[in-house]
């Protein structure tokens, strides 16, 4: 008999932290090897923008994790979803954790003055969109039906 937990998941391309983490790491390696491009922003502006992006990213991630915990379901997209989370921060965006990860990534790139690293955020977000989000949406539509389709209609994918 097959284990339903092996097939009851969206089949995402890779764990989202890895999808954001690898380009971030690559960009930082290139930057600190001397081959990367700088933004050329003054330190005070990098601090304001970078710390703002970090804070703006950490908050939705934390709020989303709390919602998942309260609902008793796993936030990891490679595990089965046992509940549909549509309240709290999910009223503002369907993907607060991915939005938050992108903002944290951008904040780090800005703080460290890494323009090349920031540019690598684009392929990371595209990979999240096509390799994670669209797969999750198909999975959740199949699993939860009308309640999830209603959620799709009343909430935005990013902002």
N, C-alpha and C. Protein backbone atom coordinates (compact mmCIF):
# COMPACT_ATOMS: atom_id res chain seq x y z
N UNK A 1 0.85 -1.18 0.00
CA UNK A 1 0.00 0.00 0.00
C UNK A 1 0.89 1.24 0.00
N UNK A 2 0.52 2.25 -0.77
CA UNK A 2 1.36 3.45 -0.86
C UNK A 2 1.04 4.42 0.27
N UNK A 3 2.04 5.17 0.64
CA UNK A 3 1.93 6.16 1.70
C UNK A 3 1.36 7.44 1.10
N UNK A 4 0.15 7.91 1.54
CA UNK A 4 -0.44 9.10 0.95
C UNK A 4 0.41 10.36 1.13
N UNK A 5 1.24 10.41 2.17
CA UNK A 5 2.07 11.60 2.39
C UNK A 5 3.13 11.75 1.30
N UNK A 6 3.39 10.66 0.55
CA UNK A 6 4.37 10.74 -0.55
C UNK A 6 3.79 11.43 -1.78
N UNK A 7 2.46 11.45 -1.90
CA UNK A 7 1.84 12.08 -3.06
C UNK A 7 0.95 13.26 -2.68
N UNK A 8 0.62 13.42 -1.42
CA UNK A 8 -0.26 14.50 -0.97
C UNK A 8 0.57 15.75 -0.66
N UNK A 9 1.08 16.35 -1.72
CA UNK A 9 1.84 17.60 -1.61
C UNK A 9 1.91 18.20 -3.01
N UNK A 10 2.29 19.47 -3.10
CA UNK A 10 2.27 20.12 -4.42
C UNK A 10 3.41 19.75 -5.35
N UNK A 11 4.41 19.05 -4.88
CA UNK A 11 5.52 18.68 -5.76
C UNK A 11 6.34 19.89 -6.18
N UNK A 12 6.68 20.73 -5.21
CA UNK A 12 7.46 21.93 -5.54
C UNK A 12 8.84 21.56 -6.04
N UNK A 13 9.41 22.45 -6.84
CA UNK A 13 10.71 22.22 -7.46
C UNK A 13 11.81 22.00 -6.42
N UNK A 14 11.80 22.81 -5.36
CA UNK A 14 12.80 22.73 -4.29
C UNK A 14 12.25 23.52 -3.10
N UNK A 15 12.81 23.32 -1.92
CA UNK A 15 12.37 24.12 -0.77
C UNK A 15 12.59 25.62 -1.04
N UNK A 16 11.58 26.44 -0.81
CA UNK A 16 11.72 27.88 -1.08
C UNK A 16 12.93 28.56 -0.42
N UNK A 17 13.28 28.23 0.84
CA UNK A 17 14.49 28.87 1.38
C UNK A 17 15.74 28.56 0.55
N UNK A 18 15.78 27.37 -0.03
CA UNK A 18 16.90 27.01 -0.89
C UNK A 18 16.87 27.80 -2.20
N UNK A 19 15.67 27.98 -2.74
CA UNK A 19 15.53 28.73 -3.99
C UNK A 19 16.00 30.18 -3.81
N UNK A 20 15.73 30.76 -2.65
CA UNK A 20 16.23 32.11 -2.38
C UNK A 20 17.68 32.07 -1.90
N UNK A 21 18.03 31.07 -1.12
CA UNK A 21 19.35 31.03 -0.49
C UNK A 21 20.51 30.80 -1.45
N UNK A 22 20.32 29.94 -2.44
CA UNK A 22 21.43 29.66 -3.36
C UNK A 22 21.84 30.88 -4.19
N UNK A 23 20.91 31.60 -4.82
CA UNK A 23 21.34 32.80 -5.56
C UNK A 23 21.91 33.87 -4.64
N UNK A 24 21.37 33.97 -3.43
CA UNK A 24 21.91 34.94 -2.47
C UNK A 24 23.36 34.59 -2.15
N UNK A 25 23.62 33.34 -1.86
CA UNK A 25 24.97 32.90 -1.55
C UNK A 25 25.90 33.10 -2.75
N UNK A 26 25.46 32.71 -3.92
CA UNK A 26 26.27 32.90 -5.13
C UNK A 26 26.59 34.38 -5.34
N UNK A 27 25.58 35.23 -5.20
CA UNK A 27 25.79 36.66 -5.38
C UNK A 27 26.76 37.24 -4.37
N UNK A 28 26.66 36.78 -3.13
CA UNK A 28 27.58 37.27 -2.10
C UNK A 28 29.01 36.80 -2.35
N UNK A 29 29.16 35.56 -2.81
CA UNK A 29 30.50 35.06 -3.14
C UNK A 29 31.10 35.90 -4.25
N UNK A 30 30.33 36.14 -5.30
CA UNK A 30 30.82 36.97 -6.41
C UNK A 30 31.15 38.38 -5.91
N UNK A 31 30.27 38.94 -5.11
CA UNK A 31 30.48 40.30 -4.60
C UNK A 31 31.76 40.40 -3.78
N UNK A 32 31.92 39.49 -2.83
CA UNK A 32 33.07 39.59 -1.94
C UNK A 32 34.37 39.09 -2.57
N UNK A 33 34.26 38.49 -3.75
CA UNK A 33 35.48 38.14 -4.49
C UNK A 33 36.00 39.34 -5.27
N UNK A 34 35.21 40.40 -5.27
CA UNK A 34 35.62 41.62 -5.96
C UNK A 34 35.05 41.75 -7.35
N UNK A 35 34.30 40.75 -7.80
CA UNK A 35 33.76 40.79 -9.17
C UNK A 35 32.35 41.36 -9.24
N UNK A 36 31.72 41.58 -8.09
CA UNK A 36 30.34 42.06 -8.08
C UNK A 36 30.25 43.56 -8.27
N UNK A 37 29.04 44.02 -8.54
CA UNK A 37 28.77 45.44 -8.71
C UNK A 37 28.19 46.00 -7.42
N UNK A 38 28.55 47.24 -7.10
CA UNK A 38 28.00 47.92 -5.94
C UNK A 38 26.82 48.78 -6.37
N UNK A 39 25.92 49.06 -5.42
CA UNK A 39 24.87 50.04 -5.67
C UNK A 39 25.44 51.45 -5.70
N UNK A 40 26.45 51.66 -4.86
CA UNK A 40 27.04 52.99 -4.76
C UNK A 40 26.22 53.93 -3.89
N UNK A 41 25.35 53.37 -3.06
CA UNK A 41 24.53 54.19 -2.17
C UNK A 41 25.31 54.52 -0.91
N UNK A 42 25.05 55.70 -0.33
CA UNK A 42 25.71 56.01 0.94
C UNK A 42 25.26 55.03 2.03
N UNK A 43 26.13 54.83 2.99
CA UNK A 43 25.85 53.87 4.06
C UNK A 43 24.53 54.15 4.76
N UNK A 44 24.25 55.41 5.08
CA UNK A 44 23.02 55.72 5.81
C UNK A 44 21.79 55.28 5.02
N UNK A 45 21.82 55.46 3.70
CA UNK A 45 20.67 55.08 2.87
C UNK A 45 20.56 53.55 2.76
N UNK A 46 21.71 52.88 2.64
CA UNK A 46 21.69 51.41 2.63
C UNK A 46 21.13 50.87 3.94
N UNK A 47 21.50 51.50 5.04
CA UNK A 47 20.98 51.06 6.34
C UNK A 47 19.47 51.25 6.42
N UNK A 48 18.99 52.41 6.01
CA UNK A 48 17.54 52.68 6.07
C UNK A 48 16.78 51.71 5.16
N UNK A 49 17.21 51.62 3.91
CA UNK A 49 16.50 50.77 2.95
C UNK A 49 16.66 49.28 3.28
N UNK A 50 17.87 48.88 3.60
CA UNK A 50 18.13 47.47 3.88
C UNK A 50 17.43 46.97 5.13
N UNK A 51 17.52 47.74 6.21
CA UNK A 51 16.86 47.33 7.45
C UNK A 51 15.34 47.38 7.32
N UNK A 52 14.84 48.35 6.55
CA UNK A 52 13.39 48.41 6.31
C UNK A 52 12.92 47.18 5.54
N UNK A 53 13.67 46.80 4.52
CA UNK A 53 13.31 45.61 3.75
C UNK A 53 13.38 44.35 4.61
N UNK A 54 14.43 44.26 5.44
CA UNK A 54 14.54 43.10 6.33
C UNK A 54 13.34 43.01 7.27
N UNK A 55 13.01 44.12 7.91
CA UNK A 55 11.88 44.13 8.84
C UNK A 55 10.58 43.82 8.11
N UNK A 56 10.40 44.43 6.94
CA UNK A 56 9.19 44.19 6.15
C UNK A 56 9.11 42.74 5.69
N UNK A 57 10.22 42.06 5.60
CA UNK A 57 10.22 40.65 5.21
C UNK A 57 10.01 39.70 6.36
N UNK A 58 10.61 40.01 7.49
CA UNK A 58 10.50 39.13 8.65
C UNK A 58 9.08 39.08 9.19
N UNK A 59 8.40 40.21 9.20
CA UNK A 59 7.05 40.29 9.78
C UNK A 59 6.07 39.34 9.08
N UNK A 60 5.92 39.39 7.75
CA UNK A 60 4.93 38.48 7.15
C UNK A 60 5.32 37.00 7.28
N UNK A 61 6.61 36.71 7.29
CA UNK A 61 7.03 35.32 7.49
C UNK A 61 6.59 34.85 8.87
N UNK A 62 6.87 35.64 9.89
CA UNK A 62 6.50 35.27 11.26
C UNK A 62 4.98 35.14 11.41
N UNK A 63 4.24 36.10 10.86
CA UNK A 63 2.78 36.05 10.97
C UNK A 63 2.21 34.83 10.25
N UNK A 64 2.78 34.50 9.10
CA UNK A 64 2.31 33.33 8.35
C UNK A 64 2.60 32.04 9.12
N UNK A 65 3.79 31.94 9.68
CA UNK A 65 4.13 30.74 10.45
C UNK A 65 3.20 30.58 11.65
N UNK A 66 2.84 31.68 12.29
CA UNK A 66 1.89 31.61 13.41
C UNK A 66 0.52 31.12 12.95
N UNK A 67 0.07 31.59 11.79
CA UNK A 67 -1.23 31.15 11.26
C UNK A 67 -1.21 29.64 10.97
N UNK A 68 -0.12 29.17 10.39
CA UNK A 68 -0.01 27.74 10.10
C UNK A 68 0.00 26.93 11.40
N UNK A 69 0.71 27.42 12.39
CA UNK A 69 0.77 26.72 13.67
C UNK A 69 -0.62 26.64 14.30
N UNK A 70 -1.34 27.76 14.29
CA UNK A 70 -2.69 27.78 14.87
C UNK A 70 -3.64 26.85 14.12
N UNK A 71 -3.45 26.75 12.81
CA UNK A 71 -4.31 25.88 12.00
C UNK A 71 -3.91 24.41 12.10
N UNK A 72 -2.74 24.14 12.69
CA UNK A 72 -2.29 22.76 12.85
C UNK A 72 -1.84 22.11 11.56
N UNK A 73 -1.33 22.92 10.64
CA UNK A 73 -0.85 22.37 9.37
C UNK A 73 0.59 22.79 9.14
N UNK A 74 1.25 22.09 8.27
CA UNK A 74 2.67 22.33 8.02
C UNK A 74 2.88 23.46 7.02
N UNK A 75 3.82 24.37 7.28
CA UNK A 75 4.12 25.42 6.30
C UNK A 75 5.02 24.94 5.17
N UNK A 76 5.64 23.79 5.34
CA UNK A 76 6.56 23.29 4.32
C UNK A 76 5.76 22.78 3.13
N UNK A 77 6.03 23.31 1.92
CA UNK A 77 5.22 22.92 0.76
C UNK A 77 5.54 21.54 0.21
N UNK A 78 6.44 20.83 0.81
CA UNK A 78 6.72 19.46 0.37
C UNK A 78 6.03 18.46 1.29
N UNK A 79 5.20 18.98 2.21
CA UNK A 79 4.43 18.13 3.11
C UNK A 79 2.94 18.34 2.84
N UNK A 80 2.09 17.39 3.25
CA UNK A 80 0.65 17.54 3.02
C UNK A 80 0.07 18.75 3.75
N UNK A 81 -0.89 19.41 3.11
CA UNK A 81 -1.65 20.48 3.75
C UNK A 81 -2.89 19.85 4.38
N UNK A 82 -3.08 20.10 5.67
CA UNK A 82 -4.23 19.53 6.35
C UNK A 82 -5.30 20.56 6.65
N UNK A 83 -5.00 21.83 6.41
CA UNK A 83 -5.97 22.90 6.63
C UNK A 83 -5.68 24.03 5.65
N UNK A 84 -6.72 24.75 5.30
CA UNK A 84 -6.59 25.90 4.41
C UNK A 84 -6.48 27.16 5.27
N UNK A 85 -5.38 27.87 5.14
CA UNK A 85 -5.15 29.09 5.92
C UNK A 85 -5.44 30.29 5.02
N UNK A 86 -6.49 31.04 5.38
CA UNK A 86 -6.91 32.17 4.54
C UNK A 86 -7.12 33.45 5.35
N UNK A 87 -6.79 33.42 6.62
CA UNK A 87 -7.02 34.60 7.45
C UNK A 87 -5.69 35.22 7.87
N UNK A 88 -5.76 36.24 8.71
CA UNK A 88 -4.55 36.91 9.15
C UNK A 88 -3.84 37.56 7.99
N UNK A 89 -2.54 37.38 7.91
CA UNK A 89 -1.73 37.99 6.85
C UNK A 89 -2.14 37.47 5.47
N UNK A 90 -2.77 36.33 5.42
CA UNK A 90 -3.21 35.76 4.14
C UNK A 90 -4.38 36.53 3.52
N UNK A 91 -4.99 37.43 4.27
CA UNK A 91 -6.00 38.31 3.67
C UNK A 91 -5.34 39.35 2.78
N UNK A 92 -4.06 39.64 3.02
CA UNK A 92 -3.34 40.66 2.25
C UNK A 92 -2.60 40.07 1.06
N UNK A 93 -2.11 38.86 1.19
CA UNK A 93 -1.34 38.21 0.13
C UNK A 93 -1.44 36.70 0.30
N UNK A 94 -1.49 36.00 -0.82
CA UNK A 94 -1.54 34.53 -0.75
C UNK A 94 -0.19 33.93 -0.41
N UNK A 95 0.87 34.70 -0.55
CA UNK A 95 2.22 34.16 -0.38
C UNK A 95 3.07 35.03 0.54
N UNK A 96 2.64 35.23 1.78
CA UNK A 96 3.41 36.12 2.66
C UNK A 96 4.82 35.61 2.96
N UNK A 97 5.00 34.30 3.00
CA UNK A 97 6.34 33.80 3.29
C UNK A 97 7.29 34.04 2.12
N UNK A 98 6.82 33.85 0.91
CA UNK A 98 7.69 34.07 -0.26
C UNK A 98 7.95 35.56 -0.46
N UNK A 99 6.92 36.36 -0.23
CA UNK A 99 7.11 37.82 -0.28
C UNK A 99 8.13 38.23 0.77
N UNK A 100 7.99 37.68 1.97
CA UNK A 100 8.93 37.98 3.05
C UNK A 100 10.34 37.54 2.74
N UNK A 101 10.49 36.35 2.17
CA UNK A 101 11.83 35.87 1.80
C UNK A 101 12.46 36.77 0.75
N UNK A 102 11.67 37.23 -0.20
CA UNK A 102 12.19 38.13 -1.24
C UNK A 102 12.63 39.46 -0.61
N UNK A 103 11.86 39.96 0.34
CA UNK A 103 12.23 41.22 1.00
C UNK A 103 13.47 41.05 1.87
N UNK A 104 13.59 39.94 2.57
CA UNK A 104 14.79 39.68 3.37
C UNK A 104 16.01 39.61 2.45
N UNK A 105 15.89 38.89 1.35
CA UNK A 105 16.96 38.79 0.36
C UNK A 105 17.36 40.19 -0.11
N UNK A 106 16.37 41.00 -0.51
CA UNK A 106 16.65 42.36 -0.99
C UNK A 106 17.32 43.19 0.09
N UNK A 107 16.84 43.05 1.32
CA UNK A 107 17.44 43.80 2.43
C UNK A 107 18.90 43.46 2.63
N UNK A 108 19.24 42.19 2.56
CA UNK A 108 20.64 41.77 2.71
C UNK A 108 21.48 42.34 1.57
N UNK A 109 20.98 42.24 0.34
CA UNK A 109 21.72 42.75 -0.82
C UNK A 109 21.95 44.25 -0.70
N UNK A 110 20.95 44.98 -0.25
CA UNK A 110 21.09 46.44 -0.10
C UNK A 110 22.06 46.77 1.02
N UNK A 111 21.89 46.13 2.16
CA UNK A 111 22.77 46.40 3.31
C UNK A 111 24.24 46.18 2.96
N UNK A 112 24.51 45.12 2.21
CA UNK A 112 25.89 44.78 1.89
C UNK A 112 26.37 45.41 0.59
N UNK A 113 25.53 46.26 -0.02
CA UNK A 113 25.89 47.01 -1.23
C UNK A 113 26.21 46.09 -2.40
N UNK A 114 25.36 45.08 -2.59
CA UNK A 114 25.60 44.04 -3.60
C UNK A 114 24.56 44.12 -4.73
N UNK A 115 24.83 44.91 -5.74
CA UNK A 115 23.89 45.06 -6.85
C UNK A 115 23.76 43.76 -7.66
N UNK A 116 24.86 43.05 -7.87
CA UNK A 116 24.81 41.79 -8.60
C UNK A 116 23.95 40.78 -7.85
N UNK A 117 24.12 40.73 -6.54
CA UNK A 117 23.31 39.84 -5.71
C UNK A 117 21.84 40.20 -5.84
N UNK A 118 21.53 41.48 -5.81
CA UNK A 118 20.14 41.93 -5.96
C UNK A 118 19.57 41.49 -7.31
N UNK A 119 20.38 41.57 -8.36
CA UNK A 119 19.91 41.16 -9.69
C UNK A 119 19.54 39.68 -9.72
N UNK A 120 20.21 38.87 -8.92
CA UNK A 120 19.90 37.44 -8.88
C UNK A 120 18.57 37.15 -8.18
N UNK A 121 17.98 38.16 -7.56
CA UNK A 121 16.66 37.99 -6.95
C UNK A 121 15.61 37.72 -8.04
N UNK A 122 15.80 38.29 -9.21
CA UNK A 122 14.82 38.11 -10.30
C UNK A 122 14.66 36.63 -10.67
N UNK A 123 15.75 35.91 -10.98
CA UNK A 123 15.54 34.48 -11.29
C UNK A 123 15.03 33.69 -10.09
N UNK A 124 15.38 34.10 -8.88
CA UNK A 124 14.86 33.41 -7.70
C UNK A 124 13.34 33.56 -7.61
N UNK A 125 12.84 34.78 -7.82
CA UNK A 125 11.39 35.02 -7.75
C UNK A 125 10.68 34.30 -8.89
N UNK A 126 11.26 34.29 -10.07
CA UNK A 126 10.66 33.55 -11.19
C UNK A 126 10.61 32.05 -10.90
N UNK A 127 11.65 31.53 -10.28
CA UNK A 127 11.67 30.11 -9.91
C UNK A 127 10.61 29.83 -8.85
N UNK A 128 10.47 30.71 -7.88
CA UNK A 128 9.42 30.56 -6.86
C UNK A 128 8.04 30.57 -7.53
N UNK A 129 7.85 31.50 -8.46
CA UNK A 129 6.54 31.61 -9.12
C UNK A 129 6.20 30.33 -9.89
N UNK A 130 7.10 29.93 -10.79
CA UNK A 130 6.79 28.80 -11.66
C UNK A 130 7.05 27.43 -11.01
N UNK A 131 8.03 27.35 -10.13
CA UNK A 131 8.39 26.07 -9.54
C UNK A 131 7.74 25.77 -8.21
N UNK A 132 7.14 26.79 -7.59
CA UNK A 132 6.52 26.59 -6.28
C UNK A 132 5.07 27.08 -6.27
N UNK A 133 4.86 28.37 -6.48
CA UNK A 133 3.53 28.96 -6.31
C UNK A 133 2.49 28.32 -7.24
N UNK A 134 2.78 28.24 -8.52
CA UNK A 134 1.78 27.67 -9.44
C UNK A 134 1.48 26.21 -9.10
N UNK A 135 2.48 25.48 -8.66
CA UNK A 135 2.26 24.08 -8.26
C UNK A 135 1.42 24.01 -6.98
N UNK A 136 1.71 24.90 -6.04
CA UNK A 136 0.90 24.94 -4.81
C UNK A 136 -0.55 25.28 -5.13
N UNK A 137 -0.75 26.24 -6.02
CA UNK A 137 -2.12 26.65 -6.35
C UNK A 137 -2.90 25.50 -6.99
N UNK A 138 -2.26 24.75 -7.88
CA UNK A 138 -2.94 23.59 -8.48
C UNK A 138 -3.27 22.54 -7.40
N UNK A 139 -2.31 22.27 -6.54
CA UNK A 139 -2.49 21.29 -5.47
C UNK A 139 -3.62 21.71 -4.53
N UNK A 140 -3.59 22.96 -4.07
CA UNK A 140 -4.59 23.43 -3.12
C UNK A 140 -5.98 23.51 -3.75
N UNK A 141 -6.04 23.84 -5.03
CA UNK A 141 -7.34 23.85 -5.72
C UNK A 141 -7.90 22.43 -5.77
N UNK A 142 -7.06 21.46 -6.10
CA UNK A 142 -7.51 20.07 -6.15
C UNK A 142 -7.89 19.56 -4.76
N UNK A 143 -7.16 19.96 -3.75
CA UNK A 143 -7.39 19.45 -2.40
C UNK A 143 -8.58 20.11 -1.71
N UNK A 144 -8.71 21.44 -1.84
CA UNK A 144 -9.72 22.17 -1.08
C UNK A 144 -10.88 22.69 -1.92
N UNK A 145 -10.78 22.63 -3.24
CA UNK A 145 -11.89 22.99 -4.11
C UNK A 145 -12.39 24.42 -3.99
N UNK A 146 -13.71 24.56 -3.86
CA UNK A 146 -14.35 25.88 -3.86
C UNK A 146 -13.81 26.83 -2.80
N UNK A 147 -13.58 26.41 -1.57
CA UNK A 147 -13.03 27.37 -0.60
C UNK A 147 -11.70 27.97 -1.05
N UNK A 148 -10.86 27.16 -1.69
CA UNK A 148 -9.59 27.71 -2.17
C UNK A 148 -9.80 28.59 -3.40
N UNK A 149 -10.70 28.19 -4.29
CA UNK A 149 -10.98 29.04 -5.46
C UNK A 149 -11.54 30.39 -5.02
N UNK A 150 -12.38 30.40 -3.99
CA UNK A 150 -12.89 31.66 -3.44
C UNK A 150 -11.75 32.51 -2.89
N UNK A 151 -10.83 31.87 -2.20
CA UNK A 151 -9.65 32.56 -1.66
C UNK A 151 -8.82 33.16 -2.79
N UNK A 152 -8.65 32.42 -3.88
CA UNK A 152 -7.90 32.93 -5.03
C UNK A 152 -8.54 34.20 -5.58
N UNK A 153 -9.87 34.23 -5.60
CA UNK A 153 -10.57 35.40 -6.15
C UNK A 153 -10.45 36.63 -5.26
N UNK A 154 -10.36 36.44 -3.96
CA UNK A 154 -10.38 37.60 -3.08
C UNK A 154 -8.99 38.02 -2.56
N UNK A 155 -7.96 37.31 -2.95
CA UNK A 155 -6.62 37.67 -2.47
C UNK A 155 -5.65 37.74 -3.64
N UNK A 156 -4.62 38.53 -3.46
CA UNK A 156 -3.61 38.69 -4.50
C UNK A 156 -2.47 37.71 -4.28
N UNK A 157 -1.82 37.36 -5.38
CA UNK A 157 -0.72 36.40 -5.29
C UNK A 157 0.46 37.00 -4.52
N UNK A 158 0.81 38.24 -4.78
CA UNK A 158 1.96 38.87 -4.11
C UNK A 158 1.48 40.00 -3.20
N UNK A 159 0.98 41.06 -3.76
CA UNK A 159 0.49 42.20 -2.95
C UNK A 159 -0.80 42.74 -3.51
